[in-house]
Amino acid sequence: MADDVKSDVNRRIAGRVRDLRASRGLTLEALAERSGVSRSMISLIERGESSPTAVLLERLATGLNVPLASLFDAPEQGGEPIARHAAQPRWRDPESGYVRRNISPAGFPSPIQIVEVEFPRGARVAFDTGAREARQHQQVWVLDGSIEVTVGDDRHRLESGDCLAFLLDRPVTFSNRGKKAARYAVVIVIEPGAGR
């Protein structure tokens, strides 16, 4: 991923974390306490001076009570119902190398978000967060290759075409033990009444 694209995505993440924290009336200290991410790291992220990992961003999303996907959204864009492919933000996790792309239109009032993930061979990402104030449901649909998804203590091997549904209320680990990269879609649904 080109440095200018990476820098643009980091600026977008910085602005989203800063805006979401402000809209919830949280200080840096309060968000640090809620998320388990240090105040100094949150400050670096909000200034765009850090390339945070997916695991770190998931902790922040939990502390802000939003889906991880919402941290990659552009500022409200008037709620347009179409997200053109060229405008869909792509981000590479600096730790695992997985690439995620937000498919859903940013700012459109919908309880559903769709994310596509390109998951390299040998990659592993463990999200240690659990239940949130706003209940979030996820479905993982494998488009190509195979992955292993562990939800709490339940391990599931998914092949191309398989779909796993679960409530995001326990730690979740994604692993690619296959011989090639995998590609999958994540559909996220936030129960009605829970704001982004």
Foldseek 3Di string as FASTA:
>chain_A
DDPVLQLVQLQLLLVQLVVLCVVVVHDLVQLCVLLVNDSVVNVCSNVSNDQAALQSLCSSCQSSQHHSVLSRAGPADPQDAADDPVNWRWHAGPPQRKIKTWHGHPNHPAQKTKMKIWGFAFGKDKHAAFDHPWKKKKKKAWQAAWKWKQFANDIDIDHHGDMDIDIRGGIMMIGHNDPGITMIMMMMGTPPPRDD
